[in-house]
Amino acid sequence: MELTLETVALFALKLAYETDGGSPVLRDDLIMSEYEREVFGLLVRKGDLGAIQLKLDECIAQALHALGADTVLGRELQKLATEVHQASTLEELNTPLDALKDYLKAIQ
């Protein structure tokens, strides 16, 4: 799950910060320091679903700002983010998290 969480954060931040012709955002960039696999791993081991959702919300908000909340892509991102936020256990988080990851990857 930690890798999936990190990947969602990476794809969201890529949408927010990557520019055409610019350097790509990578996992080892400073912008990813709060969203590294180890950070998410600690939260998963602690079972801190609220903190995980908050971290995801931060990244998704930045991607949403880049996409525009009133665009088709933005509305779909909001829908998927809502589904992630509705999970009440870590196990329930897996399916919507995978859907969010796949969506962010597809719109890169």
PDB file of N, CA and C in Angstrom:
ATOM      1  N   MET A   1       0.817  -1.189   0.000  1.00  0.00           N
ATOM      2  CA  MET A   1       0.000   0.000   0.000  1.00  0.00           C
ATOM      3  C   MET A   1       0.866   1.260   0.000  1.00  0.00           C
ATOM      4  N   GLU A   2       2.007   1.207   0.669  1.00  0.00           N
ATOM      5  CA  GLU A   2       2.875   2.387   0.743  1.00  0.00           C
ATOM      6  C   GLU A   2       3.318   2.854  -0.630  1.00  0.00           C
ATOM      7  N   LEU A   3       3.641   1.902  -1.500  1.00  0.00           N
ATOM      8  CA  LEU A   3       4.063   2.254  -2.854  1.00  0.00           C
ATOM      9  C   LEU A   3       2.916   2.917  -3.622  1.00  0.00           C
ATOM     10  N   THR A   4       1.721   2.397  -3.469  1.00  0.00           N
ATOM     11  CA  THR A   4       0.563   2.990  -4.142  1.00  0.00           C
ATOM     12  C   THR A   4       0.301   4.402  -3.637  1.00  0.00           C
ATOM     13  N   LEU A   5       0.411   4.611  -2.342  1.00  0.00           N
ATOM     14  CA  LEU A   5       0.224   5.953  -1.771  1.00  0.00           C
ATOM     15  C   LEU A   5       1.264   6.918  -2.314  1.00  0.00           C
ATOM     16  N   GLU A   6       2.517   6.478  -2.358  1.00  0.00           N
ATOM     17  CA  GLU A   6       3.580   7.322  -2.883  1.00  0.00           C
ATOM     18  C   GLU A   6       3.347   7.625  -4.366  1.00  0.00           C
ATOM     19  N   THR A   7       2.888   6.642  -5.105  1.00  0.00           N
ATOM     20  CA  THR A   7       2.639   6.831  -6.529  1.00  0.00           C
ATOM     21  C   THR A   7       1.519   7.825  -6.773  1.00  0.00           C
ATOM     22  N   VAL A   8       0.457   7.740  -5.991  1.00  0.00           N
ATOM     23  CA  VAL A   8      -0.638   8.712  -6.104  1.00  0.00           C
ATOM     24  C   VAL A   8      -0.106  10.117  -5.844  1.00  0.00           C
ATOM     25  N   ALA A   9       0.671  10.269  -4.791  1.00  0.00           N
ATOM     26  CA  ALA A   9       1.243  11.580  -4.473  1.00  0.00           C
ATOM     27  C   ALA A   9       2.140  12.070  -5.604  1.00  0.00           C
ATOM     28  N   LEU A  10       2.976  11.189  -6.130  1.00  0.00           N
ATOM     29  CA  LEU A  10       3.885  11.561  -7.213  1.00  0.00           C
ATOM     30  C   LEU A  10       3.118  12.025  -8.444  1.00  0.00           C
ATOM     31  N   PHE A  11       2.125  11.255  -8.870  1.00  0.00           N
ATOM     32  CA  PHE A  11       1.358  11.631 -10.060  1.00  0.00           C
ATOM     33  C   PHE A  11       0.597  12.937  -9.847  1.00  0.00           C
ATOM     34  N   ALA A  12       0.061  13.137  -8.651  1.00  0.00           N
ATOM     35  CA  ALA A  12      -0.658  14.386  -8.366  1.00  0.00           C
ATOM     36  C   ALA A  12       0.292  15.579  -8.418  1.00  0.00           C
ATOM     37  N   LEU A  13       1.463  15.434  -7.835  1.00  0.00           N
ATOM     38  CA  LEU A  13       2.421  16.532  -7.828  1.00  0.00           C
ATOM     39  C   LEU A  13       3.023  16.759  -9.214  1.00  0.00           C
ATOM     40  N   LYS A  14       3.104  15.711 -10.024  1.00  0.00           N
ATOM     41  CA  LYS A  14       3.549  15.886 -11.404  1.00  0.00           C
ATOM     42  C   LYS A  14       2.573  16.798 -12.150  1.00  0.00           C
ATOM     43  N   LEU A  15       1.279  16.569 -11.941  1.00  0.00           N
ATOM     44  CA  LEU A  15       0.278  17.418 -12.589  1.00  0.00           C
ATOM     45  C   LEU A  15       0.428  18.870 -12.157  1.00  0.00           C
ATOM     46  N   ALA A  16       0.748  19.060 -10.899  1.00  0.00           N
ATOM     47  CA  ALA A  16       0.830  20.414 -10.356  1.00  0.00           C
ATOM     48  C   ALA A  16       2.113  21.130 -10.736  1.00  0.00           C
ATOM     49  N   TYR A  17       3.236  20.411 -10.833  1.00  0.00           N
ATOM     50  CA  TYR A  17       4.525  21.079 -10.945  1.00  0.00           C
ATOM     51  C   TYR A  17       5.319  20.821 -12.218  1.00  0.00           C
ATOM     52  N   GLU A  18       5.011  19.773 -12.958  1.00  0.00           N
ATOM     53  CA  GLU A  18       5.773  19.522 -14.174  1.00  0.00           C
ATOM     54  C   GLU A  18       5.325  20.458 -15.284  1.00  0.00           C
ATOM     55  N   THR A  19       6.278  20.935 -16.030  1.00  0.00           N
ATOM     56  CA  THR A  19       5.979  21.786 -17.177  1.00  0.00           C
ATOM     57  C   THR A  19       6.566  21.154 -18.422  1.00  0.00           C
ATOM     58  N   ASP A  20       5.956  21.475 -19.556  1.00  0.00           N
ATOM     59  CA  ASP A  20       6.498  20.978 -20.819  1.00  0.00           C
ATOM     60  C   ASP A  20       7.917  21.490 -21.000  1.00  0.00           C
ATOM     61  N   GLY A  21       8.809  20.590 -21.313  1.00  0.00           N
ATOM     62  CA  GLY A  21      10.197  20.962 -21.517  1.00  0.00           C
ATOM     63  C   GLY A  21      11.000  21.107 -20.238  1.00  0.00           C
ATOM     64  N   GLY A  22      10.336  21.014 -19.078  1.00  0.00           N
ATOM     65  CA  GLY A  22      11.039  21.132 -17.801  1.00  0.00           C
ATOM     66  C   GLY A  22      11.473  19.772 -17.287  1.00  0.00           C
ATOM     67  N   SER A  23      12.175  19.797 -16.196  1.00  0.00           N
ATOM     68  CA  SER A  23      12.611  18.545 -15.581  1.00  0.00           C
ATOM     69  C   SER A  23      11.412  17.828 -14.975  1.00  0.00           C
ATOM     70  N   PRO A  24      11.371  16.514 -15.094  1.00  0.00           N
ATOM     71  CA  PRO A  24      10.264  15.768 -14.488  1.00  0.00           C
ATOM     72  C   PRO A  24      10.394  15.717 -12.967  1.00  0.00           C
ATOM     73  N   VAL A  25       9.261  15.641 -12.305  1.00  0.00           N
ATOM     74  CA  VAL A  25       9.245  15.440 -10.862  1.00  0.00           C
ATOM     75  C   VAL A  25       9.518  13.961 -10.610  1.00  0.00           C
ATOM     76  N   LEU A  26      10.498  13.691  -9.763  1.00  0.00           N
ATOM     77  CA  LEU A  26      10.888  12.316  -9.460  1.00  0.00           C
ATOM     78  C   LEU A  26      10.663  12.014  -7.986  1.00  0.00           C
ATOM     79  N   ARG A  27      10.679  10.746  -7.648  1.00  0.00           N
ATOM     80  CA  ARG A  27      10.434  10.326  -6.265  1.00  0.00           C
ATOM     81  C   ARG A  27      11.447  10.915  -5.284  1.00  0.00           C
ATOM     82  N   ASP A  28      12.657  11.190  -5.733  1.00  0.00           N
ATOM     83  CA  ASP A  28      13.676  11.691  -4.816  1.00  0.00           C
ATOM     84  C   ASP A  28      13.759  13.219  -4.791  1.00  0.00           C
ATOM     85  N   ASP A  29      12.839  13.911  -5.448  1.00  0.00           N
ATOM     86  CA  ASP A  29      12.809  15.370  -5.401  1.00  0.00           C
ATOM     87  C   ASP A  29      12.361  15.860  -4.030  1.00  0.00           C
ATOM     88  N   LEU A  30      12.811  17.047  -3.671  1.00  0.00           N
ATOM     89  CA  LEU A  30      12.435  17.634  -2.373  1.00  0.00           C
ATOM     90  C   LEU A  30      10.936  17.746  -2.201  1.00  0.00           C
ATOM     91  N   ILE A  31      10.232  18.017  -3.267  1.00  0.00           N
ATOM     92  CA  ILE A  31       8.779  18.171  -3.175  1.00  0.00           C
ATOM     93  C   ILE A  31       8.104  16.897  -2.671  1.00  0.00           C
ATOM     94  N   MET A  32       8.769  15.764  -2.826  1.00  0.00           N
ATOM     95  CA  MET A  32       8.219  14.476  -2.403  1.00  0.00           C
ATOM     96  C   MET A  32       8.619  14.098  -0.971  1.00  0.00           C
ATOM     97  N   SER A  33       9.361  14.941  -0.292  1.00  0.00           N
ATOM     98  CA  SER A  33       9.896  14.563   1.015  1.00  0.00           C
ATOM     99  C   SER A  33       8.820  14.188   2.036  1.00  0.00           C
ATOM    100  N   GLU A  34       7.689  14.836   2.013  1.00  0.00           N
ATOM    101  CA  GLU A  34       6.605  14.516   2.957  1.00  0.00           C
ATOM    102  C   GLU A  34       5.697  13.405   2.448  1.00  0.00           C
ATOM    103  N   TYR A  35       5.959  12.929   1.233  1.00  0.00           N
ATOM    104  CA  TYR A  35       5.087  11.938   0.607  1.00  0.00           C
ATOM    105  C   TYR A  35       5.867  10.701   0.160  1.00  0.00           C
ATOM    106  N   GLU A  36       7.000  10.450   0.795  1.00  0.00           N
ATOM    107  CA  GLU A  36       7.825   9.294   0.471  1.00  0.00           C
ATOM    108  C   GLU A  36       7.185   8.014   0.995  1.00  0.00           C
ATOM    109  N   ARG A  37       7.597   6.915   0.392  1.00  0.00           N
ATOM    110  CA  ARG A  37       7.087   5.607   0.789  1.00  0.00           C
ATOM    111  C   ARG A  37       7.292   5.349   2.287  1.00  0.00           C
ATOM    112  N   GLU A  38       8.427   5.790   2.835  1.00  0.00           N
ATOM    113  CA  GLU A  38       8.696   5.562   4.254  1.00  0.00           C
ATOM    114  C   GLU A  38       7.727   6.338   5.142  1.00  0.00           C
ATOM    115  N   VAL A  39       7.382   7.543   4.720  1.00  0.00           N
ATOM    116  CA  VAL A  39       6.422   8.349   5.482  1.00  0.00           C
ATOM    117  C   VAL A  39       5.069   7.652   5.494  1.00  0.00           C
ATOM    118  N   PHE A  40       4.623   7.228   4.316  1.00  0.00           N
ATOM    119  CA  PHE A  40       3.348   6.516   4.238  1.00  0.00           C
ATOM    120  C   PHE A  40       3.429   5.177   4.969  1.00  0.00           C
ATOM    121  N   GLY A  41       4.588   4.510   4.886  1.00  0.00           N
ATOM    122  CA  GLY A  41       4.753   3.239   5.586  1.00  0.00           C
ATOM    123  C   GLY A  41       4.568   3.378   7.086  1.00  0.00           C
ATOM    124  N   LEU A  42       5.119   4.435   7.641  1.00  0.00           N
ATOM    125  CA  LEU A  42       4.948   4.686   9.076  1.00  0.00           C
ATOM    126  C   LEU A  42       3.478   4.896   9.412  1.00  0.00           C
ATOM    127  N   LEU A  43       2.783   5.661   8.594  1.00  0.00           N
ATOM    128  CA  LEU A  43       1.357   5.918   8.840  1.00  0.00           C
ATOM    129  C   LEU A  43       0.526   4.652   8.692  1.00  0.00           C
ATOM    130  N   VAL A  44       0.886   3.806   7.724  1.00  0.00           N
ATOM    131  CA  VAL A  44       0.171   2.544   7.547  1.00  0.00           C
ATOM    132  C   VAL A  44       0.411   1.635   8.741  1.00  0.00           C
ATOM    133  N   ARG A  45       1.656   1.536   9.190  1.00  0.00           N
ATOM    134  CA  ARG A  45       1.953   0.691  10.365  1.00  0.00           C
ATOM    135  C   ARG A  45       1.229   1.182  11.609  1.00  0.00           C
ATOM    136  N   LYS A  46       1.082   2.496  11.725  1.00  0.00           N
ATOM    137  CA  LYS A  46       0.346   3.063  12.867  1.00  0.00           C
ATOM    138  C   LYS A  46      -1.163   2.935  12.683  1.00  0.00           C
ATOM    139  N   GLY A  47      -1.595   2.621  11.465  1.00  0.00           N
ATOM    140  CA  GLY A  47      -3.022   2.526  11.183  1.00  0.00           C
ATOM    141  C   GLY A  47      -3.705   3.885  11.170  1.00  0.00           C
ATOM    142  N   ASP A  48      -2.950   4.922  10.852  1.00  0.00           N
ATOM    143  CA  ASP A  48      -3.468   6.298  10.920  1.00  0.00           C
ATOM    144  C   ASP A  48      -4.113   6.698   9.589  1.00  0.00           C
ATOM    145  N   LEU A  49      -5.317   6.207   9.381  1.00  0.00           N
ATOM    146  CA  LEU A  49      -6.048   6.469   8.151  1.00  0.00           C
ATOM    147  C   LEU A  49      -6.290   7.964   7.947  1.00  0.00           C
ATOM    148  N   GLY A  50      -6.616   8.674   8.996  1.00  0.00           N
ATOM    149  CA  GLY A  50      -6.869  10.113   8.903  1.00  0.00           C
ATOM    150  C   GLY A  50      -5.665  10.878   8.380  1.00  0.00           C
ATOM    151  N   ALA A  51      -4.483  10.555   8.876  1.00  0.00           N
ATOM    152  CA  ALA A  51      -3.266  11.233   8.419  1.00  0.00           C
ATOM    153  C   ALA A  51      -2.951  10.875   6.973  1.00  0.00           C
ATOM    154  N   ILE A  52      -3.203   9.635   6.600  1.00  0.00           N
ATOM    155  CA  ILE A  52      -2.990   9.217   5.212  1.00  0.00           C
ATOM    156  C   ILE A  52      -3.920  10.004   4.294  1.00  0.00           C
ATOM    157  N   GLN A  53      -5.180  10.078   4.665  1.00  0.00           N
ATOM    158  CA  GLN A  53      -6.146  10.809   3.849  1.00  0.00           C
ATOM    159  C   GLN A  53      -5.791  12.295   3.768  1.00  0.00           C
ATOM    160  N   LEU A  54      -5.304  12.857   4.857  1.00  0.00           N
ATOM    161  CA  LEU A  54      -4.905  14.263   4.861  1.00  0.00           C
ATOM    162  C   LEU A  54      -3.737  14.497   3.898  1.00  0.00           C
ATOM    163  N   LYS A  55      -2.756  13.618   3.931  1.00  0.00           N
ATOM    164  CA  LYS A  55      -1.604  13.742   3.027  1.00  0.00           C
ATOM    165  C   LYS A  55      -2.056  13.625   1.567  1.00  0.00           C
ATOM    166  N   LEU A  56      -2.939  12.678   1.296  1.00  0.00           N
ATOM    167  CA  LEU A  56      -3.458  12.536  -0.056  1.00  0.00           C
ATOM    168  C   LEU A  56      -4.244  13.784  -0.466  1.00  0.00           C
ATOM    169  N   ASP A  57      -5.047  14.316   0.446  1.00  0.00           N
ATOM    170  CA  ASP A  57      -5.826  15.526   0.165  1.00  0.00           C
ATOM    171  C   ASP A  57      -4.928  16.691  -0.230  1.00  0.00           C
ATOM    172  N   GLU A  58      -3.776  16.811   0.431  1.00  0.00           N
ATOM    173  CA  GLU A  58      -2.839  17.894   0.121  1.00  0.00           C
ATOM    174  C   GLU A  58      -2.364  17.799  -1.330  1.00  0.00           C
ATOM    175  N   CYS A  59      -1.998  16.599  -1.734  1.00  0.00           N
ATOM    176  CA  CYS A  59      -1.513  16.396  -3.106  1.00  0.00           C
ATOM    177  C   CYS A  59      -2.632  16.573  -4.121  1.00  0.00           C
ATOM    178  N   ILE A  60      -3.782  16.024  -3.826  1.00  0.00           N
ATOM    179  CA  ILE A  60      -4.909  16.105  -4.740  1.00  0.00           C
ATOM    180  C   ILE A  60      -5.360  17.554  -4.908  1.00  0.00           C
ATOM    181  N   ALA A  61      -5.312  18.319  -3.838  1.00  0.00           N
ATOM    182  CA  ALA A  61      -5.691  19.733  -3.930  1.00  0.00           C
ATOM    183  C   ALA A  61      -4.778  20.478  -4.891  1.00  0.00           C
ATOM    184  N   GLN A  62      -3.503  20.170  -4.861  1.00  0.00           N
ATOM    185  CA  GLN A  62      -2.557  20.818  -5.776  1.00  0.00           C
ATOM    186  C   GLN A  62      -2.814  20.400  -7.219  1.00  0.00           C
ATOM    187  N   ALA A  63      -3.090  19.116  -7.432  1.00  0.00           N
ATOM    188  CA  ALA A  63      -3.402  18.633  -8.780  1.00  0.00           C
ATOM    189  C   ALA A  63      -4.708  19.247  -9.268  1.00  0.00           C
ATOM    190  N   LEU A  64      -5.680  19.345  -8.388  1.00  0.00           N
ATOM    191  CA  LEU A  64      -6.977  19.919  -8.744  1.00  0.00           C
ATOM    192  C   LEU A  64      -6.834  21.388  -9.131  1.00  0.00           C
ATOM    193  N   HIS A  65      -5.986  22.087  -8.418  1.00  0.00           N
ATOM    194  CA  HIS A  65      -5.731  23.486  -8.755  1.00  0.00           C
ATOM    195  C   HIS A  65      -5.119  23.595 -10.156  1.00  0.00           C
ATOM    196  N   ALA A  66      -4.214  22.680 -10.471  1.00  0.00           N
ATOM    197  CA  ALA A  66      -3.568  22.696 -11.782  1.00  0.00           C
ATOM    198  C   ALA A  66      -4.556  22.338 -12.899  1.00  0.00           C
ATOM    199  N   LEU A  67      -5.453  21.400 -12.619  1.00  0.00           N
ATOM    200  CA  LEU A  67      -6.413  20.964 -13.630  1.00  0.00           C
ATOM    201  C   LEU A  67      -7.583  21.928 -13.783  1.00  0.00           C
ATOM    202  N   GLY A  68      -7.975  22.531 -12.666  1.00  0.00           N
ATOM    203  CA  GLY A  68      -9.175  23.345 -12.627  1.00  0.00           C
ATOM    204  C   GLY A  68     -10.327  22.508 -12.101  1.00  0.00           C
ATOM    205  N   ALA A  69     -10.967  22.973 -11.056  1.00  0.00           N
ATOM    206  CA  ALA A  69     -12.026  22.212 -10.405  1.00  0.00           C
ATOM    207  C   ALA A  69     -13.270  22.064 -11.290  1.00  0.00           C
ATOM    208  N   ASP A  70     -13.469  22.975 -12.210  1.00  0.00           N
ATOM    209  CA  ASP A  70     -14.671  22.945 -13.042  1.00  0.00           C
ATOM    210  C   ASP A  70     -14.465  22.268 -14.386  1.00  0.00           C
ATOM    211  N   THR A  71     -13.322  21.643 -14.577  1.00  0.00           N
ATOM    212  CA  THR A  71     -13.069  20.917 -15.818  1.00  0.00           C
ATOM    213  C   THR A  71     -13.554  19.478 -15.659  1.00  0.00           C
ATOM    214  N   VAL A  72     -13.693  18.792 -16.766  1.00  0.00           N
ATOM    215  CA  VAL A  72     -14.093  17.384 -16.724  1.00  0.00           C
ATOM    216  C   VAL A  72     -13.066  16.582 -15.930  1.00  0.00           C
ATOM    217  N   LEU A  73     -11.784  16.830 -16.196  1.00  0.00           N
ATOM    218  CA  LEU A  73     -10.728  16.105 -15.466  1.00  0.00           C
ATOM    219  C   LEU A  73     -10.771  16.426 -13.982  1.00  0.00           C
ATOM    220  N   GLY A  74     -11.002  17.683 -13.656  1.00  0.00           N
ATOM    221  CA  GLY A  74     -11.066  18.093 -12.255  1.00  0.00           C
ATOM    222  C   GLY A  74     -12.239  17.480 -11.521  1.00  0.00           C
ATOM    223  N   ARG A  75     -13.383  17.438 -12.170  1.00  0.00           N
ATOM    224  CA  ARG A  75     -14.566  16.843 -11.524  1.00  0.00           C
ATOM    225  C   ARG A  75     -14.372  15.354 -11.277  1.00  0.00           C
ATOM    226  N   GLU A  76     -13.763  14.666 -12.230  1.00  0.00           N
ATOM    227  CA  GLU A  76     -13.495  13.239 -12.042  1.00  0.00           C
ATOM    228  C   GLU A  76     -12.484  13.026 -10.915  1.00  0.00           C
ATOM    229  N   LEU A  77     -11.482  13.864 -10.848  1.00  0.00           N
ATOM    230  CA  LEU A  77     -10.504  13.778  -9.767  1.00  0.00           C
ATOM    231  C   LEU A  77     -11.183  13.992  -8.412  1.00  0.00           C
ATOM    232  N   GLN A  78     -12.093  14.957  -8.340  1.00  0.00           N
ATOM    233  CA  GLN A  78     -12.822  15.202  -7.095  1.00  0.00           C
ATOM    234  C   GLN A  78     -13.666  13.994  -6.700  1.00  0.00           C
ATOM    235  N   LYS A  79     -14.313  13.373  -7.675  1.00  0.00           N
ATOM    236  CA  LYS A  79     -15.131  12.185  -7.405  1.00  0.00           C
ATOM    237  C   LYS A  79     -14.275  11.061  -6.826  1.00  0.00           C
ATOM    238  N   LEU A  80     -13.135  10.807  -7.460  1.00  0.00           N
ATOM    239  CA  LEU A  80     -12.254   9.740  -6.980  1.00  0.00           C
ATOM    240  C   LEU A  80     -11.666  10.073  -5.612  1.00  0.00           C
ATOM    241  N   ALA A  81     -11.338  11.337  -5.381  1.00  0.00           N
ATOM    242  CA  ALA A  81     -10.806  11.762  -4.083  1.00  0.00           C
ATOM    243  C   ALA A  81     -11.860  11.578  -2.996  1.00  0.00           C
ATOM    244  N   THR A  82     -13.107  11.841  -3.321  1.00  0.00           N
ATOM    245  CA  THR A  82     -14.195  11.646  -2.350  1.00  0.00           C
ATOM    246  C   THR A  82     -14.311  10.180  -1.974  1.00  0.00           C
ATOM    247  N   GLU A  83     -14.191   9.303  -2.959  1.00  0.00           N
ATOM    248  CA  GLU A  83     -14.258   7.867  -2.682  1.00  0.00           C
ATOM    249  C   GLU A  83     -13.109   7.430  -1.780  1.00  0.00           C
ATOM    250  N   VAL A  84     -11.923   7.986  -1.993  1.00  0.00           N
ATOM    251  CA  VAL A  84     -10.777   7.683  -1.129  1.00  0.00           C
ATOM    252  C   VAL A  84     -11.073   8.167   0.290  1.00  0.00           C
ATOM    253  N   HIS A  85     -11.651   9.335   0.400  1.00  0.00           N
ATOM    254  CA  HIS A  85     -11.914   9.923   1.712  1.00  0.00           C
ATOM    255  C   HIS A  85     -13.029   9.198   2.467  1.00  0.00           C
ATOM    256  N   GLN A  86     -13.892   8.487   1.757  1.00  0.00           N
ATOM    257  CA  GLN A  86     -14.997   7.770   2.399  1.00  0.00           C
ATOM    258  C   GLN A  86     -14.567   6.446   3.017  1.00  0.00           C
ATOM    259  N   ALA A  87     -13.359   5.992   2.730  1.00  0.00           N
ATOM    260  CA  ALA A  87     -12.875   4.742   3.327  1.00  0.00           C
ATOM    261  C   ALA A  87     -12.774   4.911   4.832  1.00  0.00           C
ATOM    262  N   SER A  88     -13.266   3.928   5.550  1.00  0.00           N
ATOM    263  CA  SER A  88     -13.214   4.011   7.008  1.00  0.00           C
ATOM    264  C   SER A  88     -12.166   3.081   7.616  1.00  0.00           C
ATOM    265  N   THR A  89     -11.541   2.249   6.781  1.00  0.00           N
ATOM    266  CA  THR A  89     -10.438   1.388   7.229  1.00  0.00           C
ATOM    267  C   THR A  89      -9.370   1.367   6.137  1.00  0.00           C
ATOM    268  N   LEU A  90      -8.184   0.930   6.504  1.00  0.00           N
ATOM    269  CA  LEU A  90      -7.118   0.811   5.516  1.00  0.00           C
ATOM    270  C   LEU A  90      -7.483  -0.193   4.424  1.00  0.00           C
ATOM    271  N   GLU A  91      -8.183  -1.252   4.787  1.00  0.00           N
ATOM    272  CA  GLU A  91      -8.585  -2.249   3.804  1.00  0.00           C
ATOM    273  C   GLU A  91      -9.556  -1.644   2.792  1.00  0.00           C
ATOM    274  N   GLU A  92     -10.478  -0.820   3.258  1.00  0.00           N
ATOM    275  CA  GLU A  92     -11.439  -0.170   2.370  1.00  0.00           C
ATOM    276  C   GLU A  92     -10.770   0.861   1.467  1.00  0.00           C
ATOM    277  N   LEU A  93      -9.595   1.311   1.830  1.00  0.00           N
ATOM    278  CA  LEU A  93      -8.883   2.323   1.067  1.00  0.00           C
ATOM    279  C   LEU A  93      -8.280   1.761  -0.220  1.00  0.00           C
ATOM    280  N   ASN A  94      -7.993   0.467  -0.252  1.00  0.00           N
ATOM    281  CA  ASN A  94      -7.276  -0.128  -1.388  1.00  0.00           C
ATOM    282  C   ASN A  94      -7.952   0.097  -2.734  1.00  0.00           C
ATOM    283  N   THR A  95      -9.217  -0.210  -2.868  1.00  0.00           N
ATOM    284  CA  THR A  95      -9.896  -0.125  -4.163  1.00  0.00           C
ATOM    285  C   THR A  95      -9.983   1.308  -4.676  1.00  0.00           C
ATOM    286  N   PRO A  96     -10.480   2.266  -3.883  1.00  0.00           N
ATOM    287  CA  PRO A  96     -10.524   3.639  -4.408  1.00  0.00           C
ATOM    288  C   PRO A  96      -9.135   4.235  -4.627  1.00  0.00           C
ATOM    289  N   LEU A  97      -8.161   3.816  -3.836  1.00  0.00           N
ATOM    290  CA  LEU A  97      -6.796   4.305  -4.012  1.00  0.00           C
ATOM    291  C   LEU A  97      -6.220   3.823  -5.343  1.00  0.00           C
ATOM    292  N   ASP A  98      -6.476   2.569  -5.675  1.00  0.00           N
ATOM    293  CA  ASP A  98      -6.016   2.045  -6.971  1.00  0.00           C
ATOM    294  C   ASP A  98      -6.687   2.782  -8.126  1.00  0.00           C
ATOM    295  N   ALA A  99      -7.977   3.062  -7.996  1.00  0.00           N
ATOM    296  CA  ALA A  99      -8.692   3.797  -9.053  1.00  0.00           C
ATOM    297  C   ALA A  99      -8.109   5.202  -9.210  1.00  0.00           C
ATOM    298  N   LEU A 100      -7.809   5.855  -8.096  1.00  0.00           N
ATOM    299  CA  LEU A 100      -7.222   7.188  -8.133  1.00  0.00           C
ATOM    300  C   LEU A 100      -5.844   7.148  -8.786  1.00  0.00           C
ATOM    301  N   LYS A 101      -5.039   6.177  -8.418  1.00  0.00           N
ATOM    302  CA  LYS A 101      -3.703   6.028  -9.012  1.00  0.00           C
ATOM    303  C   LYS A 101      -3.801   5.834 -10.519  1.00  0.00           C
ATOM    304  N   ASP A 102      -4.684   4.941 -10.947  1.00  0.00           N
ATOM    305  CA  ASP A 102      -4.837   4.678 -12.374  1.00  0.00           C
ATOM    306  C   ASP A 102      -5.309   5.920 -13.128  1.00  0.00           C
ATOM    307  N   TYR A 103      -6.206   6.688 -12.533  1.00  0.00           N
ATOM    308  CA  TYR A 103      -6.704   7.895 -13.171  1.00  0.00           C
ATOM    309  C   TYR A 103      -5.590   8.932 -13.311  1.00  0.00           C
ATOM    310  N   LEU A 104      -4.864   9.157 -12.234  1.00  0.00           N
ATOM    311  CA  LEU A 104      -3.770  10.145 -12.285  1.00  0.00           C
ATOM    312  C   LEU A 104      -2.708   9.740 -13.298  1.00  0.00           C
ATOM    313  N   LYS A 105      -2.433   8.459 -13.377  1.00  0.00           N
ATOM    314  CA  LYS A 105      -1.456   7.969 -14.348  1.00  0.00           C
ATOM    315  C   LYS A 105      -1.965   8.222 -15.767  1.00  0.00           C
ATOM    316  N   ALA A 106      -3.237   7.973 -15.991  1.00  0.00           N
ATOM    317  CA  ALA A 106      -3.817   8.102 -17.326  1.00  0.00           C
ATOM    318  C   ALA A 106      -3.834   9.550 -17.825  1.00  0.00           C
ATOM    319  N   ILE A 107      -3.980  10.504 -16.927  1.00  0.00           N
ATOM    320  CA  ILE A 107      -4.093  11.899 -17.370  1.00  0.00           C
ATOM    321  C   ILE A 107      -2.767  12.622 -17.387  1.00  0.00           C
ATOM    322  N   GLN A 108      -1.687  11.928 -17.117  1.00  0.00           N
ATOM    323  CA  GLN A 108      -0.366  12.562 -17.145  1.00  0.00           C
ATOM    324  C   GLN A 108      -0.055  13.139 -18.490  1.00  0.00           C
TER     325      GLN A 108
END
